[in-house]
Protein backbone atom coordinates (compact mmCIF):
# COMPACT_ATOMS: atom_id res chain seq x y z
CA MET A 1 0.06 -0.11 -0.08
CA ILE A 2 2.83 2.94 0.98
CA SER A 3 4.83 1.82 -2.20
CA TRP A 4 1.81 2.03 -4.12
CA ILE A 5 1.19 5.60 -3.05
CA GLN A 6 4.68 6.55 -3.14
CA SER A 7 5.00 5.26 -7.12
CA LEU A 8 1.83 7.75 -7.51
CA SER A 9 2.84 11.32 -9.56
CA MET A 10 2.23 14.51 -8.09
CA ILE A 11 -0.76 14.78 -9.65
CA GLU A 12 -2.06 12.18 -8.68
CA LEU A 13 -1.52 12.48 -4.79
CA PHE A 14 -2.96 15.63 -5.42
CA GLU A 15 -6.06 14.59 -6.08
CA LEU A 16 -6.34 11.74 -3.55
CA HIS A 17 -5.40 14.32 -1.24
CA TYR A 18 -8.16 17.01 -2.34
CA ALA A 19 -10.95 14.16 -2.89
CA ARG A 20 -9.72 12.63 0.53
CA HIS A 21 -10.46 16.43 2.26
CA LEU A 22 -13.39 17.13 0.32
CA VAL A 23 -15.45 13.78 2.04
CA PHE A 24 -13.69 15.03 5.49
CA THR A 25 -15.72 19.03 4.77
CA LEU A 26 -18.95 16.74 3.59
CA CYS A 27 -19.01 14.25 6.35
CA SER A 28 -18.83 17.69 8.55
CA THR A 29 -20.89 19.64 7.54
CA ALA A 30 -23.74 16.37 7.26
CA ALA A 31 -22.48 15.71 11.33
CA PHE A 32 -23.21 19.33 12.16
CA LEU A 33 -26.48 19.23 10.33
CA LEU A 34 -27.74 16.15 12.19
CA ILE A 35 -26.33 18.22 15.14
CA VAL A 36 -27.88 20.58 15.20
CA ALA A 37 -31.31 19.29 14.80
CA VAL A 38 -31.11 16.77 17.23
CA ALA A 39 -30.62 19.89 19.60
CA ILE A 40 -33.91 21.63 17.76
CA CYS A 41 -35.95 18.16 18.14
CA GLY A 42 -34.72 18.07 21.48
CA ASN A 43 -35.92 21.91 22.80
CA ASP A 44 -38.90 21.49 21.31
CA ILE A 45 -39.66 17.30 23.22
CA ILE A 46 -38.35 19.36 26.38
CA LYS A 47 -41.07 22.64 25.80
CA ALA A 48 -43.70 19.95 24.81
CA PHE A 49 -43.38 18.06 28.14
CA ALA A 50 -41.98 20.46 30.90
CA HIS A 51 -44.92 18.27 33.26
CA GLU A 52 -43.68 16.80 36.59
CA THR A 53 -42.72 13.28 35.53
CA PHE A 54 -44.04 10.30 38.37
CA SER A 55 -42.38 7.11 37.74
CA PHE A 56 -44.04 3.62 38.82
CA GLY A 57 -42.09 0.71 38.21
CA ASN A 58 -40.85 0.90 35.24
CA ILE A 59 -43.60 3.43 33.54
CA SER A 60 -43.16 7.19 33.79
CA VAL A 61 -45.96 9.53 34.06
CA ALA A 62 -45.94 13.56 33.16
CA PRO A 63 -49.50 14.70 33.71
CA GLY A 64 -50.47 18.62 33.12
CA TRP A 65 -52.39 21.04 31.16
CA GLU A 66 -52.45 21.43 28.06
CA VAL A 67 -52.19 25.60 27.93
CA GLU A 68 -50.92 26.81 31.41
CA PRO A 69 -51.86 28.76 33.51
CA PRO A 70 -55.07 27.31 33.37
CA LEU A 71 -57.39 30.20 33.84
CA VAL A 72 -61.27 29.35 35.30
CA ASP A 73 -63.39 29.52 33.23
CA GLN A 74 -61.21 29.08 29.61
CA LEU A 75 -61.58 25.60 27.94
CA ASN A 76 -58.55 23.88 28.55
CA SER A 77 -57.61 19.84 27.97
CA ILE A 78 -55.37 17.56 30.79
CA GLU A 79 -52.25 15.93 28.85
CA ILE A 80 -50.37 13.07 30.39
CA ASN A 81 -47.41 11.58 28.13
CA ILE A 82 -46.87 7.46 29.55
CA ILE A 83 -43.53 6.35 28.14
CA ARG A 84 -41.71 3.09 29.20
CA ASN A 85 -38.37 2.65 30.89
CA GLU A 86 -35.85 0.38 29.49
CA ALA A 87 -32.53 -0.90 30.11
CA GLY A 88 -29.38 1.43 29.04
CA GLY A 89 -31.19 4.32 29.31
CA ASN A 90 -33.95 4.29 26.63
CA SER A 91 -37.70 5.02 26.64
CA VAL A 92 -40.23 3.57 24.17
CA PRO A 93 -43.74 5.25 24.30
CA ILE A 94 -46.92 3.41 25.33
CA ARG A 95 -49.32 3.88 22.64
CA ASN A 96 -53.11 2.42 23.93
CA ALA A 97 -52.40 3.10 27.71
CA PHE A 98 -55.94 3.96 29.03
CA SER A 99 -57.01 -0.46 28.07
CA GLU A 100 -56.87 -0.73 31.39
CA LEU A 101 -56.40 2.30 33.15
CA ASP A 102 -59.29 4.85 35.15
CA ALA A 103 -58.27 8.43 34.71
CA SER A 104 -60.43 10.79 37.25
CA ILE A 105 -59.67 14.36 37.72
CA ARG A 106 -60.30 16.09 41.54
CA SER A 107 -60.72 19.39 43.00
CA GLY A 108 -62.29 19.72 46.45
CA GLY A 109 -64.60 16.26 47.83
CA LEU A 110 -66.10 16.53 43.42
CA THR A 111 -64.34 13.89 40.80
CA LYS A 112 -65.30 13.47 37.49
CA THR A 113 -63.99 10.72 34.77
CA LEU A 114 -61.78 12.28 32.10
CA ASP A 115 -61.91 10.37 28.37
CA PHE A 116 -58.07 10.53 27.13
CA GLU A 117 -57.99 10.23 23.54
CA PRO A 118 -54.10 9.90 21.98
CA GLN A 119 -52.66 12.38 19.75
CA GLU A 120 -51.12 12.40 16.22
CA GLU A 121 -48.49 14.57 17.14
CA SER A 122 -46.80 12.52 19.93
CA ALA A 123 -46.83 8.76 20.48
CA GLY A 124 -47.73 8.15 24.13
CA LEU A 125 -49.36 11.46 24.21
CA TYR A 126 -53.14 11.63 25.62
CA ARG A 127 -55.02 14.43 26.38
CA ALA A 128 -58.91 15.73 27.45
CA LYS A 129 -60.58 18.57 27.31
CA ILE A 130 -62.20 20.23 30.07
CA LEU A 131 -64.05 23.48 31.28
CA PRO A 132 -62.29 24.44 34.96
CA THR A 133 -65.10 26.55 36.33
CA GLN A 134 -63.72 27.05 39.73
CA VAL A 135 -60.33 28.80 41.16
CA SER A 136 -58.78 25.47 43.36
CA THR A 137 -56.57 22.77 44.10
CA TYR A 138 -56.78 20.03 40.72
CA SER A 139 -55.33 16.97 40.77
CA LEU A 140 -55.76 13.64 38.62
CA LEU A 141 -56.47 10.28 39.95
CA LEU A 142 -55.14 7.05 38.04
CA ILE A 143 -56.13 3.73 38.84
CA GLY A 144 -55.42 0.78 37.20
CA ASN A 145 -52.52 -0.55 35.04
CA VAL A 146 -50.03 0.10 32.27
CA ASP A 147 -48.00 -1.93 30.89
CA GLY A 148 -48.68 -4.81 33.38
CA GLN A 149 -47.47 -2.04 36.27
CA PRO A 150 -49.96 -1.87 38.55
CA ILE A 151 -51.26 2.30 39.45
CA ASN A 152 -53.21 3.22 42.06
CA SER A 153 -52.40 6.93 43.00
CA GLN A 154 -53.69 10.81 42.73
CA VAL A 155 -51.09 13.05 41.23
CA LYS A 156 -51.54 16.55 41.33
CA ILE A 157 -51.25 19.04 38.72
CA GLU A 158 -50.98 23.00 38.55
CA ASP A 159 -53.45 25.50 40.25
CA VAL A 160 -56.45 26.61 38.71
CA GLU A 161 -56.08 30.75 38.38
CA ASP A 162 -58.44 33.02 38.19
CA THR A 163 -58.54 35.31 35.05
CA THR A 164 -58.66 38.94 36.49
CA LYS A 165 -55.43 38.11 37.38
CA PHE A 166 -54.76 38.63 34.01
CA ALA A 167 -57.46 40.90 32.52
CA PHE A 168 -56.98 44.20 31.22
CA PRO A 169 -58.62 46.29 31.26
CA LEU A 170 -61.31 45.34 33.76
CA LEU A 171 -65.36 45.26 32.21
CA GLU A 172 -67.47 47.79 32.80
CA SER A 173 -69.53 45.47 35.43
CA ASP A 174 -66.67 45.11 37.22
CA ARG A 175 -65.54 48.88 37.43
CA PHE A 176 -69.93 49.82 38.66
CA SER A 177 -69.75 46.02 40.97
CA GLY A 178 -68.73 47.86 44.03
CA SER A 179 -70.70 51.14 43.70
CA SER A 180 -73.97 48.68 43.54
CA GLN A 181 -72.94 47.02 46.50
CA LEU A 182 -72.78 50.53 48.44
CA LEU A 183 -75.96 51.29 47.32
CA SER A 184 -77.98 48.21 48.59
CA GLY A 185 -75.88 48.38 51.82
CA ALA A 186 -76.98 51.48 52.57
CA PRO A 187 -78.59 52.61 55.84
CA ARG A 188 -82.24 52.07 56.61
CA GLN A 189 -82.92 55.53 57.01
CA GLU A 190 -81.34 56.82 54.41
CA LYS A 191 -83.70 54.06 52.32
CA GLU A 192 -86.85 55.21 54.11
CA SER A 193 -85.85 58.79 52.98
CA VAL A 194 -85.72 58.06 49.70
CA ASN A 195 -88.99 56.36 49.70
CA ARG A 196 -91.12 59.46 51.49
CA PRO A 197 -93.27 60.69 48.79
CA GLY A 198 -92.15 64.60 48.12
CA SER A 199 -88.60 63.88 50.52
CA SER A 200 -85.77 66.21 48.19
CA MET A 201 -83.97 63.31 48.30
CA GLN A 202 -87.27 61.14 45.95
CA LEU A 203 -86.87 64.33 43.28
CA GLN A 204 -83.48 63.89 43.18
CA PHE A 205 -83.99 60.37 42.42
CA GLN A 206 -86.48 60.22 40.27
CA GLN A 207 -84.35 63.43 38.15
CA PHE A 208 -80.88 60.57 38.14
CA SER A 209 -83.32 57.86 37.33
CA PRO A 210 -83.17 57.89 33.83
CA LEU A 211 -79.32 58.77 33.83
CA VAL A 212 -79.08 55.37 35.80
CA SER A 213 -81.12 53.60 33.54
CA ASP A 214 -79.09 54.67 30.78
CA LEU A 215 -75.79 53.94 32.45
CA MET A 216 -77.14 50.24 33.17
CA ASN A 217 -77.94 49.46 29.50
CA GLN A 218 -75.00 50.34 28.56
CA VAL A 219 -73.64 48.29 30.99
CA ASN A 220 -75.40 45.38 29.86
CA SER A 221 -74.46 46.37 25.83
CA THR A 222 -71.03 46.03 27.02
CA ALA A 223 -71.30 42.73 28.83
CA ASN A 224 -72.86 41.56 25.93
CA THR A 225 -69.54 42.93 23.95
CA ALA A 226 -67.21 41.59 26.52
CA LEU A 227 -68.58 37.66 25.78
CA ARG A 228 -68.98 37.43 22.04
CA ALA A 229 -65.35 39.11 21.67
CA GLU A 230 -64.96 35.92 24.58
CA ARG A 231 -66.66 33.73 21.77
CA ILE A 232 -64.37 34.45 19.00
CA SER A 233 -61.85 34.40 20.84
CA GLU A 234 -62.26 30.77 21.89
CA GLU A 235 -62.90 30.31 18.20
CA THR A 236 -59.79 31.72 17.63
CA ARG A 237 -57.68 29.93 19.73
CA ASP A 238 -59.16 26.01 18.58
CA THR A 239 -57.84 27.31 14.47
CA LEU A 240 -54.44 28.44 16.47
CA GLU A 241 -54.26 25.03 17.46
CA GLN A 242 -55.75 23.10 14.46
CA VAL A 243 -52.71 25.38 12.46
CA ARG A 244 -50.53 24.58 15.23
CA GLY A 245 -50.93 20.23 14.67
CA SER A 246 -50.16 20.96 11.05
CA ILE A 247 -47.38 22.59 11.45
CA ASP A 248 -45.55 20.81 13.57
CA ARG A 249 -46.49 18.01 11.33
CA ALA A 250 -44.49 19.94 8.55
CA TYR A 251 -41.97 20.34 10.87
CA VAL A 252 -41.46 16.52 11.60
CA PHE A 253 -41.42 16.14 7.35
CA GLY A 254 -38.48 17.95 7.11
CA MET A 255 -36.39 16.98 10.32
CA VAL A 256 -37.02 13.45 7.87
CA SER A 257 -36.15 15.93 4.65
CA THR A 258 -32.85 16.95 5.78
CA GLY A 259 -31.77 13.69 7.56
CA ILE A 260 -32.38 11.69 4.13
CA GLY A 261 -30.49 14.77 2.26
CA ILE A 262 -27.57 14.42 4.94
CA SER A 263 -27.60 10.37 4.38
CA GLY A 264 -27.66 11.43 0.38
CA ILE A 265 -24.45 13.62 0.92
CA ILE A 266 -22.55 10.79 2.78
CA ILE A 267 -23.07 8.21 0.53
CA GLY A 268 -22.40 10.44 -2.22
CA ALA A 269 -19.31 11.64 -1.19
CA PHE A 270 -18.29 8.04 -0.57
CA ALA A 271 -18.96 7.21 -3.63
CA LEU A 272 -17.04 9.59 -5.16
CA THR A 273 -13.92 8.55 -3.40
CA ARG A 274 -14.10 5.47 -4.03
CA ASN A 275 -14.63 6.44 -7.88
CA TRP A 276 -11.31 9.01 -7.79
CA ASP A 277 -9.44 5.60 -5.74
CA ARG A 278 -10.40 3.62 -9.25
CA GLN A 279 -9.56 6.47 -11.48
CA ALA A 280 -6.06 6.59 -9.78
CA ILE A 281 -5.58 3.04 -9.92
CA LEU A 282 -6.53 3.14 -13.55
CA LYS A 283 -3.87 5.80 -13.98
CA ARG A 284 -1.19 4.24 -12.57
CA LYS A 285 -2.06 0.66 -14.50
CA GLN A 286 -1.87 2.66 -17.63
CA ASN A 287 1.59 4.19 -17.12
CA THR A 288 2.92 0.84 -16.05
């Protein structure tokens, strides 16, 4: 092998060195692209399943809310990712995990059965829609077995928060709620003086009554507008969820295409090197 290389001409040695350098460059580029793709996918997986993980034997369960933080009277979903841990640090998503597993959500002394459905975006991921109607602490009750592993436990998920914590600006009905409470809690003597026929307060009340009625009509109109806006917001959010699912599927397809392209680069570089080696051998035979 060494004598064959030494017998090559300077041009042939340069061509062989250039070919090997080109192959090394192509392989390095392909490896770099593969590392970047794996890093991006890893970040997406961490974001998707950032819930607390509970272990039951070789089964890991990660429950939580699909939209966090969960808000009262806002449609949401409980999502749960179930995998089986194997030797060597490998993990396998479990399909049809709820065939022998019952799940319920609990708040205070109330319990509601959940119907989890598998998600196409990721194997081992399940979701069940729910509308939380109370600011409280929620937990998930799991009873049954998964892949032969018995599970009988209650795991805590994130608390549901009030929408007023994030609302801005406040609705007109919220602003005038304090005035209504003050009017309802007025002293009995003042109420009687208002109702006394011919009193000055009664006359003033009669004068301002149309203004108060008009103001209350405006408040009711604003509340109705807010309800319509909320319904439109929910419809928009559902549409965005569908768009996000389509984008995720397109992203996975793009990553698969990138992997195929990288494989093609490596195979082409290897074939190119083999072709140059054969040409060098043929030139050597022709010279001899």
